[in-house]
C-alpha atoms as a PDB file:
ATOM      1  CA  MET A   1      -6.252   7.790 -19.852  1.00  0.00           C
ATOM      2  CA  SER A   2      -2.911   9.513 -20.415  1.00  0.00           C
ATOM      3  CA  SER A   3       0.728   8.521 -20.126  1.00  0.00           C
ATOM      4  CA  ASN A   4       4.241   9.957 -20.192  1.00  0.00           C
ATOM      5  CA  ASP A   5       7.101   7.647 -21.157  1.00  0.00           C
ATOM      6  CA  GLY A   6      10.634   8.130 -19.888  1.00  0.00           C
ATOM      7  CA  SER A   7      13.214   5.478 -20.667  1.00  0.00           C
ATOM      8  CA  SER A   8      16.920   4.695 -20.740  1.00  0.00           C
ATOM      9  CA  ASP A   9      19.050   1.624 -21.359  1.00  0.00           C
ATOM     10  CA  ARG A  10      18.804   0.636 -17.699  1.00  0.00           C
ATOM     11  CA  VAL A  11      15.397   1.867 -16.616  1.00  0.00           C
ATOM     12  CA  ARG A  12      12.040   2.177 -18.317  1.00  0.00           C
ATOM     13  CA  GLU A  13       9.395   4.271 -16.643  1.00  0.00           C
ATOM     14  CA  VAL A  14       5.879   5.363 -17.569  1.00  0.00           C
ATOM     15  CA  LYS A  15       3.614   7.789 -15.721  1.00  0.00           C
ATOM     16  CA  VAL A  16      -0.106   7.236 -16.183  1.00  0.00           C
ATOM     17  CA  ILE A  17      -3.297   8.987 -15.094  1.00  0.00           C
ATOM     18  CA  ALA A  18      -6.344   6.700 -15.028  1.00  0.00           C
ATOM     19  CA  PRO A  19      -9.898   7.615 -13.944  1.00  0.00           C
ATOM     20  CA  ILE A  20     -12.375   5.753 -11.812  1.00  0.00           C
ATOM     21  CA  ASN A  21     -15.525   4.617 -13.558  1.00  0.00           C
ATOM     22  CA  ILE A  22     -19.019   4.455 -12.145  1.00  0.00           C
ATOM     23  CA  ALA A  23     -21.148   1.546 -13.319  1.00  0.00           C
ATOM     24  CA  LEU A  24     -24.634   2.616 -14.353  1.00  0.00           C
ATOM     25  CA  VAL A  25     -25.614  -1.021 -14.873  1.00  0.00           C
ATOM     26  CA  LYS A  26     -23.458  -2.990 -12.481  1.00  0.00           C
ATOM     27  CA  TYR A  27     -21.806  -6.391 -12.497  1.00  0.00           C
ATOM     28  CA  TRP A  28     -21.891  -8.508  -9.369  1.00  0.00           C
ATOM     29  CA  GLY A  29     -20.444 -12.002  -9.383  1.00  0.00           C
ATOM     30  CA  LYS A  30     -18.031 -13.911 -11.583  1.00  0.00           C
ATOM     31  CA  ARG A  31     -18.510 -16.989 -13.755  1.00  0.00           C
ATOM     32  CA  ASN A  32     -14.770 -17.702 -13.595  1.00  0.00           C
ATOM     33  CA  GLU A  33     -12.700 -16.426 -10.676  1.00  0.00           C
ATOM     34  CA  ASP A  34      -9.327 -17.352 -12.204  1.00  0.00           C
ATOM     35  CA  LEU A  35      -9.941 -15.472 -15.457  1.00  0.00           C
ATOM     36  CA  MET A  36     -11.990 -12.722 -13.771  1.00  0.00           C
ATOM     37  CA  LEU A  37     -14.977 -13.254 -16.066  1.00  0.00           C
ATOM     38  CA  PRO A  38     -18.212 -11.578 -14.924  1.00  0.00           C
ATOM     39  CA  LEU A  39     -21.618 -13.212 -14.726  1.00  0.00           C
ATOM     40  CA  ASN A  40     -23.291 -10.305 -16.486  1.00  0.00           C
ATOM     41  CA  ASP A  41     -22.621  -7.354 -18.762  1.00  0.00           C
ATOM     42  CA  SER A  42     -22.112  -3.911 -17.244  1.00  0.00           C
ATOM     43  CA  ILE A  43     -21.934  -0.373 -18.540  1.00  0.00           C
ATOM     44  CA  SER A  44     -20.161   2.630 -17.050  1.00  0.00           C
ATOM     45  CA  LEU A  45     -19.015   6.229 -17.340  1.00  0.00           C
ATOM     46  CA  SER A  46     -15.510   7.361 -16.411  1.00  0.00           C
ATOM     47  CA  ILE A  47     -15.154  10.181 -13.873  1.00  0.00           C
ATOM     48  CA  ASN A  48     -11.955  11.844 -15.067  1.00  0.00           C
ATOM     49  CA  ASP A  49     -11.566  14.245 -12.127  1.00  0.00           C
ATOM     50  CA  MET A  50     -11.174  11.287  -9.741  1.00  0.00           C
ATOM     51  CA  CYS A  51      -8.078   9.410 -10.755  1.00  0.00           C
ATOM     52  CA  ALA A  52      -4.990   7.430  -9.898  1.00  0.00           C
ATOM     53  CA  LYS A  53      -1.668   9.010 -10.843  1.00  0.00           C
ATOM     54  CA  THR A  54       0.693   6.091 -11.203  1.00  0.00           C
ATOM     55  CA  ARG A  55       4.352   5.548 -12.035  1.00  0.00           C
ATOM     56  CA  VAL A  56       5.314   2.126 -13.396  1.00  0.00           C
ATOM     57  CA  ARG A  57       9.018   1.349 -13.507  1.00  0.00           C
ATOM     58  CA  ILE A  58      11.187  -1.596 -14.578  1.00  0.00           C
ATOM     59  CA  GLY A  59      14.954  -1.968 -14.867  1.00  0.00           C
ATOM     60  CA  ALA A  60      18.089  -3.430 -13.352  1.00  0.00           C
ATOM     61  CA  SER A  61      17.657  -1.409 -10.157  1.00  0.00           C
ATOM     62  CA  VAL A  62      14.168  -2.856  -9.542  1.00  0.00           C
ATOM     63  CA  LYS A  63      14.884  -6.053  -7.617  1.00  0.00           C
ATOM     64  CA  LYS A  64      11.374  -7.153  -6.666  1.00  0.00           C
ATOM     65  CA  ASP A  65       7.740  -6.512  -7.463  1.00  0.00           C
ATOM     66  CA  SER A  66       6.419  -3.700  -5.283  1.00  0.00           C
ATOM     67  CA  VAL A  67       3.340  -1.509  -5.046  1.00  0.00           C
ATOM     68  CA  SER A  68       2.899   1.677  -3.029  1.00  0.00           C
ATOM     69  CA  ILE A  69      -0.464   3.449  -2.778  1.00  0.00           C
ATOM     70  CA  ASN A  70      -0.738   6.888  -1.187  1.00  0.00           C
ATOM     71  CA  GLY A  71       2.608   6.378   0.529  1.00  0.00           C
ATOM     72  CA  SER A  72       1.819   2.947   2.008  1.00  0.00           C
ATOM     73  CA  ASN A  73       3.481  -0.236   0.804  1.00  0.00           C
ATOM     74  CA  VAL A  74       1.050  -2.959  -0.260  1.00  0.00           C
ATOM     75  CA  CYS A  75       1.514  -6.541   0.948  1.00  0.00           C
ATOM     76  CA  LEU A  76       1.157  -8.320  -2.391  1.00  0.00           C
ATOM     77  CA  SER A  77       0.400 -11.704  -0.829  1.00  0.00           C
ATOM     78  CA  LYS A  78      -2.727 -10.181   0.744  1.00  0.00           C
ATOM     79  CA  HIS A  79      -3.831  -8.495  -2.494  1.00  0.00           C
ATOM     80  CA  PRO A  80      -3.829 -11.171  -5.217  1.00  0.00           C
ATOM     81  CA  GLY A  81      -5.084  -8.757  -7.867  1.00  0.00           C
ATOM     82  CA  PHE A  82      -1.586  -7.324  -8.250  1.00  0.00           C
ATOM     83  CA  LEU A  83      -0.069 -10.788  -8.576  1.00  0.00           C
ATOM     84  CA  ARG A  84      -2.645 -11.770 -11.220  1.00  0.00           C
ATOM     85  CA  CYS A  85      -2.013  -8.551 -13.106  1.00  0.00           C
ATOM     86  CA  PHE A  86       1.768  -8.995 -13.115  1.00  0.00           C
ATOM     87  CA  LYS A  87       1.465 -12.687 -14.002  1.00  0.00           C
ATOM     88  CA  GLU A  88      -0.722 -11.876 -17.001  1.00  0.00           C
ATOM     89  CA  VAL A  89       1.770  -9.310 -18.316  1.00  0.00           C
ATOM     90  CA  ARG A  90       4.587 -11.838 -18.062  1.00  0.00           C
ATOM     91  CA  ARG A  91       2.453 -14.482 -19.769  1.00  0.00           C
ATOM     92  CA  LEU A  92       1.789 -12.146 -22.680  1.00  0.00           C
ATOM     93  CA  ILE A  93       5.485 -11.258 -22.997  1.00  0.00           C
ATOM     94  CA  ARG A  94       6.452 -14.943 -22.888  1.00  0.00           C
ATOM     95  CA  LYS A  95       3.824 -15.757 -25.513  1.00  0.00           C
ATOM     96  CA  ARG A  96       5.203 -13.039 -27.778  1.00  0.00           C
ATOM     97  CA  SER A  97       8.721 -14.387 -27.246  1.00  0.00           C
ATOM     98  CA  ILE A  98       7.668 -17.878 -28.336  1.00  0.00           C
ATOM     99  CA  ILE A  99       5.945 -16.489 -31.431  1.00  0.00           C
ATOM    100  CA  SER A 100       9.051 -14.460 -32.318  1.00  0.00           C
ATOM    101  CA  GLU A 101      11.346 -17.452 -31.907  1.00  0.00           C
ATOM    102  CA  THR A 102       9.060 -19.607 -34.032  1.00  0.00           C
ATOM    103  CA  ALA A 103       9.184 -16.960 -36.758  1.00  0.00           C
ATOM    104  CA  GLY A 104      12.979 -16.901 -36.582  1.00  0.00           C
ATOM    105  CA  LYS A 105      13.147 -13.403 -35.119  1.00  0.00           C
ATOM    106  CA  SER A 106      15.674 -12.396 -32.496  1.00  0.00           C
ATOM    107  CA  GLU A 107      14.056 -10.076 -29.976  1.00  0.00           C
ATOM    108  CA  LYS A 108      14.690  -9.294 -26.334  1.00  0.00           C
ATOM    109  CA  HIS A 109      11.762 -10.239 -24.103  1.00  0.00           C
ATOM    110  CA  ASP A 110      12.487  -9.352 -20.477  1.00  0.00           C
ATOM    111  CA  TYR A 111       9.674 -11.293 -18.839  1.00  0.00           C
ATOM    112  CA  PHE A 112      11.863 -11.814 -15.769  1.00  0.00           C
ATOM    113  CA  SER A 113      11.886  -8.087 -14.995  1.00  0.00           C
ATOM    114  CA  LYS A 114      10.383  -6.922 -11.726  1.00  0.00           C
ATOM    115  CA  PHE A 115       7.764  -4.193 -11.566  1.00  0.00           C
ATOM    116  CA  GLU A 116       7.736  -1.130  -9.312  1.00  0.00           C
ATOM    117  CA  VAL A 117       4.417   0.691  -8.973  1.00  0.00           C
ATOM    118  CA  VAL A 118       3.906   3.959  -7.090  1.00  0.00           C
ATOM    119  CA  SER A 119       0.363   5.337  -7.122  1.00  0.00           C
ATOM    120  CA  GLU A 120      -1.430   8.328  -5.635  1.00  0.00           C
ATOM    121  CA  THR A 121      -5.207   8.792  -5.640  1.00  0.00           C
ATOM    122  CA  ASN A 122      -7.301  11.895  -5.003  1.00  0.00           C
ATOM    123  CA  PHE A 123     -10.175   9.933  -3.460  1.00  0.00           C
ATOM    124  CA  PRO A 124     -10.703   7.372  -0.661  1.00  0.00           C
ATOM    125  CA  ILE A 125      -9.595   3.832  -1.486  1.00  0.00           C
ATOM    126  CA  GLU A 126     -11.530   0.659  -0.639  1.00  0.00           C
ATOM    127  CA  ALA A 127     -14.586   2.780   0.134  1.00  0.00           C
ATOM    128  CA  GLY A 128     -16.884   1.933  -2.744  1.00  0.00           C
ATOM    129  CA  LEU A 129     -15.617   4.537  -5.213  1.00  0.00           C
ATOM    130  CA  ALA A 130     -14.097   2.122  -7.731  1.00  0.00           C
ATOM    131  CA  SER A 131     -10.561   2.885  -6.555  1.00  0.00           C
ATOM    132  CA  SER A 132      -9.294  -0.490  -7.764  1.00  0.00           C
ATOM    133  CA  ALA A 133     -10.612   0.295 -11.247  1.00  0.00           C
ATOM    134  CA  ALA A 134      -8.425   3.388 -11.536  1.00  0.00           C
ATOM    135  CA  GLY A 135      -5.423   1.730  -9.915  1.00  0.00           C
ATOM    136  CA  PHE A 136      -5.328  -1.417 -12.009  1.00  0.00           C
ATOM    137  CA  ALA A 137      -6.206   0.453 -15.198  1.00  0.00           C
ATOM    138  CA  ALA A 138      -3.171   2.668 -14.609  1.00  0.00           C
ATOM    139  CA  ILE A 139      -0.900  -0.308 -13.940  1.00  0.00           C
ATOM    140  CA  ALA A 140      -2.158  -2.199 -16.983  1.00  0.00           C
ATOM    141  CA  TYR A 141      -1.842   0.810 -19.257  1.00  0.00           C
ATOM    142  CA  GLY A 142       1.624   1.655 -17.932  1.00  0.00           C
ATOM    143  CA  LEU A 143       2.974  -1.869 -18.405  1.00  0.00           C
ATOM    144  CA  GLY A 144       1.205  -1.995 -21.750  1.00  0.00           C
ATOM    145  CA  GLN A 145       3.095   1.110 -22.864  1.00  0.00           C
ATOM    146  CA  ILE A 146       6.412  -0.288 -21.677  1.00  0.00           C
ATOM    147  CA  TYR A 147       5.912  -3.624 -23.427  1.00  0.00           C
ATOM    148  CA  GLN A 148       3.912  -2.259 -26.386  1.00  0.00           C
ATOM    149  CA  LEU A 149       0.857  -4.404 -25.733  1.00  0.00           C
ATOM    150  CA  ASN A 150      -2.226  -3.914 -27.882  1.00  0.00           C
ATOM    151  CA  ILE A 151      -5.361  -2.407 -26.375  1.00  0.00           C
ATOM    152  CA  SER A 152      -7.145  -5.776 -26.119  1.00  0.00           C
ATOM    153  CA  ASP A 153      -4.271  -7.180 -24.067  1.00  0.00           C
ATOM    154  CA  ILE A 154      -4.159  -4.066 -21.868  1.00  0.00           C
ATOM    155  CA  ILE A 155      -7.878  -4.459 -21.166  1.00  0.00           C
ATOM    156  CA  ARG A 156      -7.309  -8.115 -20.264  1.00  0.00           C
ATOM    157  CA  VAL A 157      -4.423  -7.224 -17.919  1.00  0.00           C
ATOM    158  CA  ALA A 158      -6.578  -4.600 -16.193  1.00  0.00           C
ATOM    159  CA  ARG A 159      -9.417  -7.114 -15.809  1.00  0.00           C
ATOM    160  CA  MET A 160      -7.076  -9.626 -14.174  1.00  0.00           C
ATOM    161  CA  GLY A 161      -6.273  -7.037 -11.518  1.00  0.00           C
ATOM    162  CA  SER A 162      -9.861  -5.940 -10.883  1.00  0.00           C
ATOM    163  CA  GLY A 163     -12.848  -6.698 -13.070  1.00  0.00           C
ATOM    164  CA  SER A 164     -14.157  -3.152 -13.287  1.00  0.00           C
ATOM    165  CA  ALA A 165     -10.686  -1.816 -14.144  1.00  0.00           C
ATOM    166  CA  CYS A 166     -11.070  -2.897 -17.755  1.00  0.00           C
ATOM    167  CA  ARG A 167     -13.796  -0.272 -18.160  1.00  0.00           C
ATOM    168  CA  SER A 168     -11.383   2.515 -17.130  1.00  0.00           C
ATOM    169  CA  ILE A 169      -9.058   1.788 -20.056  1.00  0.00           C
ATOM    170  CA  LEU A 170     -11.569   3.242 -22.510  1.00  0.00           C
ATOM    171  CA  SER A 171     -13.327   6.615 -22.383  1.00  0.00           C
ATOM    172  CA  GLY A 172     -16.959   7.603 -22.667  1.00  0.00           C
ATOM    173  CA  LEU A 173     -19.863   5.235 -22.082  1.00  0.00           C
ATOM    174  CA  VAL A 174     -18.208   1.817 -21.912  1.00  0.00           C
ATOM    175  CA  HIS A 175     -19.971  -1.539 -22.282  1.00  0.00           C
ATOM    176  CA  TRP A 176     -18.164  -4.504 -20.710  1.00  0.00           C
ATOM    177  CA  LYS A 177     -19.518  -7.664 -22.302  1.00  0.00           C
ATOM    178  CA  ALA A 178     -19.404 -10.777 -20.135  1.00  0.00           C
ATOM    179  CA  GLY A 179     -19.266 -13.175 -23.068  1.00  0.00           C
ATOM    180  CA  THR A 180     -19.841 -16.921 -22.909  1.00  0.00           C
ATOM    181  CA  ALA A 181     -16.529 -18.441 -24.055  1.00  0.00           C
ATOM    182  CA  GLU A 182     -14.795 -20.477 -21.358  1.00  0.00           C
ATOM    183  CA  ASP A 183     -11.424 -18.879 -22.142  1.00  0.00           C
ATOM    184  CA  GLY A 184     -12.839 -15.350 -21.987  1.00  0.00           C
ATOM    185  CA  THR A 185     -11.962 -14.440 -25.577  1.00  0.00           C
ATOM    186  CA  ASP A 186     -15.355 -12.785 -26.049  1.00  0.00           C
ATOM    187  CA  CYS A 187     -15.202 -10.904 -22.735  1.00  0.00           C
ATOM    188  CA  ILE A 188     -14.485  -7.474 -24.205  1.00  0.00           C
ATOM    189  CA  CYS A 189     -14.992  -3.760 -23.640  1.00  0.00           C
ATOM    190  CA  GLU A 190     -16.198  -1.236 -26.167  1.00  0.00           C
ATOM    191  CA  THR A 191     -16.956   2.472 -26.150  1.00  0.00           C
ATOM    192  CA  VAL A 192     -20.636   2.882 -27.005  1.00  0.00           C
ATOM    193  CA  PHE A 193     -20.634   6.688 -27.066  1.00  0.00           C
ATOM    194  CA  PRO A 194     -17.614   9.031 -26.848  1.00  0.00           C
ATOM    195  CA  GLU A 195     -17.049  11.114 -23.729  1.00  0.00           C
ATOM    196  CA  ASP A 196     -18.299  14.300 -25.418  1.00  0.00           C
ATOM    197  CA  TYR A 197     -21.545  12.722 -26.667  1.00  0.00           C
ATOM    198  CA  TRP A 198     -23.634  14.154 -23.805  1.00  0.00           C
ATOM    199  CA  PRO A 199     -21.767  17.366 -22.927  1.00  0.00           C
ATOM    200  CA  THR A 200     -24.359  18.643 -20.439  1.00  0.00           C
ATOM    201  CA  LEU A 201     -24.337  15.506 -18.264  1.00  0.00           C
ATOM    202  CA  ARG A 202     -22.673  16.054 -14.897  1.00  0.00           C
ATOM    203  CA  SER A 203     -21.860  14.002 -11.820  1.00  0.00           C
ATOM    204  CA  LEU A 204     -21.456  14.857  -8.153  1.00  0.00           C
ATOM    205  CA  ILE A 205     -19.695  12.555  -5.702  1.00  0.00           C
ATOM    206  CA  LEU A 206     -20.914  12.677  -2.102  1.00  0.00           C
ATOM    207  CA  VAL A 207     -18.453  11.056   0.293  1.00  0.00           C
ATOM    208  CA  THR A 208     -20.335   9.746   3.322  1.00  0.00           C
ATOM    209  CA  SER A 209     -17.420   7.687   4.645  1.00  0.00           C
ATOM    210  CA  HIS A 210     -13.659   7.547   4.159  1.00  0.00           C
ATOM    211  CA  GLY A 211     -13.467   4.199   5.944  1.00  0.00           C
ATOM    212  CA  THR A 212     -12.495   0.866   4.419  1.00  0.00           C
ATOM    213  CA  LYS A 213     -15.470  -1.407   3.835  1.00  0.00           C
ATOM    214  CA  LYS A 214     -15.575  -4.514   6.019  1.00  0.00           C
ATOM    215  CA  VAL A 215     -16.186  -6.955   3.150  1.00  0.00           C
ATOM    216  CA  SER A 216     -14.343  -6.417  -0.123  1.00  0.00           C
ATOM    217  CA  SER A 217     -16.289  -6.449  -3.376  1.00  0.00           C
ATOM    218  CA  SER A 218     -14.489  -9.612  -4.448  1.00  0.00           C
ATOM    219  CA  ASN A 219     -15.367 -11.511  -1.275  1.00  0.00           C
ATOM    220  CA  GLY A 220     -18.887 -10.115  -1.308  1.00  0.00           C
ATOM    221  CA  MET A 221     -19.460 -11.314  -4.864  1.00  0.00           C
ATOM    222  CA  GLN A 222     -18.298 -14.813  -4.007  1.00  0.00           C
ATOM    223  CA  SER A 223     -20.725 -14.965  -1.091  1.00  0.00           C
ATOM    224  CA  THR A 224     -23.593 -13.725  -3.257  1.00  0.00           C
ATOM    225  CA  VAL A 225     -22.912 -16.302  -5.974  1.00  0.00           C
ATOM    226  CA  LYS A 226     -22.938 -19.066  -3.359  1.00  0.00           C
ATOM    227  CA  THR A 227     -25.967 -18.015  -1.326  1.00  0.00           C
ATOM    228  CA  SER A 228     -28.298 -15.511  -3.029  1.00  0.00           C
ATOM    229  CA  LYS A 229     -31.657 -16.785  -4.287  1.00  0.00           C
ATOM    230  CA  LEU A 230     -32.222 -13.509  -6.159  1.00  0.00           C
ATOM    231  CA  LEU A 231     -29.073 -13.727  -8.285  1.00  0.00           C
ATOM    232  CA  GLN A 232     -30.652 -15.567 -11.222  1.00  0.00           C
ATOM    233  CA  ALA A 233     -33.508 -13.078 -11.392  1.00  0.00           C
ATOM    234  CA  ARG A 234     -30.927 -10.303 -11.510  1.00  0.00           C
ATOM    235  CA  MET A 235     -29.087 -12.055 -14.366  1.00  0.00           C
ATOM    236  CA  ASP A 236     -32.335 -12.290 -16.313  1.00  0.00           C
ATOM    237  CA  ILE A 237     -33.007  -8.555 -15.935  1.00  0.00           C
ATOM    238  CA  VAL A 238     -29.575  -7.187 -16.876  1.00  0.00           C
ATOM    239  CA  PRO A 239     -29.853  -7.474 -20.703  1.00  0.00           C
ATOM    240  CA  GLU A 240     -33.006  -5.361 -20.639  1.00  0.00           C
ATOM    241  CA  GLN A 241     -31.337  -2.857 -18.306  1.00  0.00           C
ATOM    242  CA  ILE A 242     -28.375  -2.574 -20.675  1.00  0.00           C
ATOM    243  CA  THR A 243     -30.641  -1.965 -23.674  1.00  0.00           C
ATOM    244  CA  ARG A 244     -32.740   0.624 -21.841  1.00  0.00           C
ATOM    245  CA  LEU A 245     -29.668   2.496 -20.655  1.00  0.00           C
ATOM    246  CA  ARG A 246     -27.991   2.507 -24.069  1.00  0.00           C
ATOM    247  CA  ASN A 247     -31.183   3.810 -25.665  1.00  0.00           C
ATOM    248  CA  ALA A 248     -31.616   6.501 -23.013  1.00  0.00           C
ATOM    249  CA  PHE A 249     -28.030   7.629 -23.490  1.00  0.00           C
ATOM    250  CA  ARG A 250     -28.408   7.588 -27.283  1.00  0.00           C
ATOM    251  CA  ASP A 251     -31.476   9.827 -27.010  1.00  0.00           C
ATOM    252  CA  ARG A 252     -29.964  11.932 -24.204  1.00  0.00           C
ATOM    253  CA  ASN A 253     -33.155  11.169 -22.292  1.00  0.00           C
ATOM    254  CA  PHE A 254     -32.272  11.971 -18.696  1.00  0.00           C
ATOM    255  CA  GLU A 255     -35.536  10.769 -17.155  1.00  0.00           C
ATOM    256  CA  GLN A 256     -35.149   7.298 -18.658  1.00  0.00           C
ATOM    257  CA  LEU A 257     -31.443   7.227 -17.808  1.00  0.00           C
ATOM    258  CA  ALA A 258     -32.231   8.108 -14.197  1.00  0.00           C
ATOM    259  CA  LYS A 259     -34.819   5.334 -13.887  1.00  0.00           C
ATOM    260  CA  VAL A 260     -32.338   2.703 -15.036  1.00  0.00           C
ATOM    261  CA  ILE A 261     -29.492   4.022 -12.887  1.00  0.00           C
ATOM    262  CA  MET A 262     -31.488   4.139  -9.653  1.00  0.00           C
ATOM    263  CA  SER A 263     -33.300   0.838 -10.180  1.00  0.00           C
ATOM    264  CA  ASP A 264     -30.038  -0.919 -10.982  1.00  0.00           C
ATOM    265  CA  SER A 265     -28.378   0.491  -7.883  1.00  0.00           C
ATOM    266  CA  GLY A 266     -31.282  -0.810  -5.817  1.00  0.00           C
ATOM    267  CA  GLN A 267     -31.005  -4.243  -7.403  1.00  0.00           C
ATOM    268  CA  LEU A 268     -27.329  -4.496  -6.502  1.00  0.00           C
ATOM    269  CA  HIS A 269     -27.961  -3.763  -2.851  1.00  0.00           C
ATOM    270  CA  ALA A 270     -30.989  -6.062  -2.779  1.00  0.00           C
ATOM    271  CA  LEU A 271     -28.632  -8.839  -3.907  1.00  0.00           C
ATOM    272  CA  CYS A 272     -26.215  -7.863  -1.166  1.00  0.00           C
ATOM    273  CA  MET A 273     -28.938  -8.032   1.478  1.00  0.00           C
ATOM    274  CA  ASP A 274     -30.092 -11.405   0.099  1.00  0.00           C
ATOM    275  CA  THR A 275     -26.577 -12.783   0.575  1.00  0.00           C
ATOM    276  CA  MET A 276     -25.909 -14.901   3.667  1.00  0.00           C
ATOM    277  CA  PRO A 277     -24.677 -13.338   5.813  1.00  0.00           C
ATOM    278  CA  SER A 278     -26.124 -10.100   4.471  1.00  0.00           C
ATOM    279  CA  LEU A 279     -23.752  -7.530   2.998  1.00  0.00           C
ATOM    280  CA  ARG A 280     -24.507  -4.016   4.250  1.00  0.00           C
ATOM    281  CA  TYR A 281     -22.431  -1.627   2.162  1.00  0.00           C
ATOM    282  CA  LEU A 282     -24.716   1.383   2.633  1.00  0.00           C
ATOM    283  CA  ASN A 283     -24.772   3.491   5.799  1.00  0.00           C
ATOM    284  CA  ASP A 284     -27.452   5.725   7.316  1.00  0.00           C
ATOM    285  CA  ASN A 285     -26.241   8.716   5.302  1.00  0.00           C
ATOM    286  CA  SER A 286     -26.560   6.667   2.107  1.00  0.00           C
ATOM    287  CA  TRP A 287     -30.216   5.936   2.844  1.00  0.00           C
ATOM    288  CA  TYR A 288     -30.810   9.566   3.779  1.00  0.00           C
ATOM    289  CA  LEU A 289     -29.381  10.714   0.442  1.00  0.00           C
ATOM    290  CA  MET A 290     -31.637   8.339  -1.483  1.00  0.00           C
ATOM    291  CA  GLN A 291     -34.677   9.701   0.348  1.00  0.00           C
ATOM    292  CA  LEU A 292     -33.505  13.266  -0.287  1.00  0.00           C
ATOM    293  CA  ILE A 293     -33.093  12.674  -4.036  1.00  0.00           C
ATOM    294  CA  HIS A 294     -36.563  11.162  -4.362  1.00  0.00           C
ATOM    295  CA  ALA A 295     -38.021  14.059  -2.342  1.00  0.00           C
ATOM    296  CA  LEU A 296     -36.294  16.609  -4.589  1.00  0.00           C
ATOM    297  CA  ASN A 297     -37.594  14.949  -7.739  1.00  0.00           C
ATOM    298  CA  ARG A 298     -41.133  14.830  -6.318  1.00  0.00           C
ATOM    299  CA  HIS A 299     -40.928  18.472  -5.269  1.00  0.00           C
ATOM    300  CA  CYS A 300     -39.805  19.506  -8.762  1.00  0.00           C
ATOM    301  CA  LYS A 301     -42.422  17.254 -10.400  1.00  0.00           C
ATOM    302  CA  ASP A 302     -39.611  16.137 -12.682  1.00  0.00           C
ATOM    303  CA  THR A 303     -36.576  13.868 -12.510  1.00  0.00           C
ATOM    304  CA  LYS A 304     -33.737  16.308 -11.933  1.00  0.00           C
ATOM    305  CA  VAL A 305     -31.139  13.999 -10.425  1.00  0.00           C
ATOM    306  CA  ALA A 306     -30.323  10.291 -10.078  1.00  0.00           C
ATOM    307  CA  TYR A 307     -28.194   8.434  -7.548  1.00  0.00           C
ATOM    308  CA  THR A 308     -26.156   5.271  -7.732  1.00  0.00           C
ATOM    309  CA  PHE A 309     -24.109   3.399  -5.135  1.00  0.00           C
ATOM    310  CA  ASP A 310     -21.428   0.845  -5.885  1.00  0.00           C
ATOM    311  CA  ALA A 311     -20.398  -1.599  -3.153  1.00  0.00           C
ATOM    312  CA  GLY A 312     -19.885   1.132  -0.599  1.00  0.00           C
ATOM    313  CA  PRO A 313     -21.678   3.994   1.170  1.00  0.00           C
ATOM    314  CA  ASN A 314     -20.502   6.835  -1.048  1.00  0.00           C
ATOM    315  CA  CYS A 315     -22.965   8.328  -3.490  1.00  0.00           C
ATOM    316  CA  CYS A 316     -22.611   9.319  -7.122  1.00  0.00           C
ATOM    317  CA  LEU A 317     -25.257  11.670  -8.488  1.00  0.00           C
ATOM    318  CA  PHE A 318     -25.956  12.240 -12.181  1.00  0.00           C
ATOM    319  CA  LEU A 319     -27.755  15.332 -13.413  1.00  0.00           C
ATOM    320  CA  GLU A 320     -27.917  17.873 -16.225  1.00  0.00           C
ATOM    321  CA  SER A 321     -25.604  20.885 -15.911  1.00  0.00           C
ATOM    322  CA  VAL A 322     -28.568  23.283 -15.718  1.00  0.00           C
ATOM    323  CA  ASN A 323     -29.670  21.574 -12.489  1.00  0.00           C
ATOM    324  CA  VAL A 324     -26.292  21.634 -10.731  1.00  0.00           C
ATOM    325  CA  PRO A 325     -26.981  24.884  -8.766  1.00  0.00           C
ATOM    326  CA  LEU A 326     -30.332  23.537  -7.531  1.00  0.00           C
ATOM    327  CA  ILE A 327     -28.908  20.215  -6.375  1.00  0.00           C
ATOM    328  CA  LEU A 328     -25.847  21.808  -4.800  1.00  0.00           C
ATOM    329  CA  ALA A 329     -28.086  24.176  -2.864  1.00  0.00           C
ATOM    330  CA  ALA A 330     -30.206  21.271  -1.627  1.00  0.00           C
ATOM    331  CA  VAL A 331     -27.170  19.222  -0.618  1.00  0.00           C
ATOM    332  CA  ASN A 332     -25.630  22.177   1.196  1.00  0.00           C
ATOM    333  CA  LYS A 333     -28.901  22.869   3.016  1.00  0.00           C
ATOM    334  CA  TYR A 334     -29.882  19.348   4.007  1.00  0.00           C
ATOM    335  CA  CYS A 335     -26.552  17.496   4.254  1.00  0.00           C
ATOM    336  CA  LYS A 336     -23.339  17.987   6.184  1.00  0.00           C
ATOM    337  CA  LEU A 337     -21.114  16.919   3.301  1.00  0.00           C
ATOM    338  CA  ARG A 338     -19.879  20.232   1.942  1.00  0.00           C
ATOM    339  CA  SER A 339     -16.183  19.422   2.427  1.00  0.00           C
ATOM    340  CA  ASP A 340     -16.654  16.000   0.851  1.00  0.00           C
ATOM    341  CA  LEU A 341     -18.510  16.972  -2.301  1.00  0.00           C
ATOM    342  CA  ILE A 342     -16.744  16.569  -5.616  1.00  0.00           C
ATOM    343  CA  GLY A 343     -18.275  18.077  -8.744  1.00  0.00           C
ATOM    344  CA  VAL A 344     -17.383  16.670 -12.150  1.00  0.00           C
END
């Protein structure tokens, strides 16, 4: 996460670069929709090469809240995440104003200011590549810089926009803890290991579709919570998955890491299929890639590469740097994705 602050008496502007993050143990479903509190913990890695470059601007010349993504204006009434995000920032500013007044301090708190957001991404949006995570993390961090919010508040603002966005505020292996408090005070993020802890770990993104998914993650989660009979079993398994993944990462044990990543990806999509009506986020190319990865690992008699899919058809591979040439050669030989392959 990086930012560049430019300000004047009339206008304050911050430019932010925020990465997507790929959940290795995923969250699916919320225990509180209003506060954006997840049902289960999740853990992720940021993919810095895939990012949202965002300008956040406030000032007298900004007359209304507005968001533009990749040159297209967003209808805020159809995307409540932006409204929640902006509302939370204003609530925090108002709260700080009340505290200052109570303490007898005279400070200017412009919680009536409007926000202008202009964002560009270098990856498909709404296609299962955690685009909302990068976007809302950038907005939250930018507004946080303008209003000098602390990191806990910035994480909360990001979460109000999109749950997974809070994981993009921090770097490295990030653990998002669901917590149990009704007000969400114990719903926090922490960096478990810094981004340079496993320097030989690499990722490859295989884009199988640039299209927008038919059912958003938010709507899909709500349907799963209401209808899936497998959801409770998934909730029971997650703590063990988290522990296994943290231990594998601590030991830099790729084989164990791969087992957790692939099994967790499968569990997510099993939940989606168990939802009524079923949620089919994967496409034929997604299934082909899974079969290819398992075939490669069998052929090598070793686990060389692992796949994971968020709520979309696009694939994220994890592997050791020494195996990148082998996997690239296999992908180039057996897949028609060469122009849509991103190495990180």
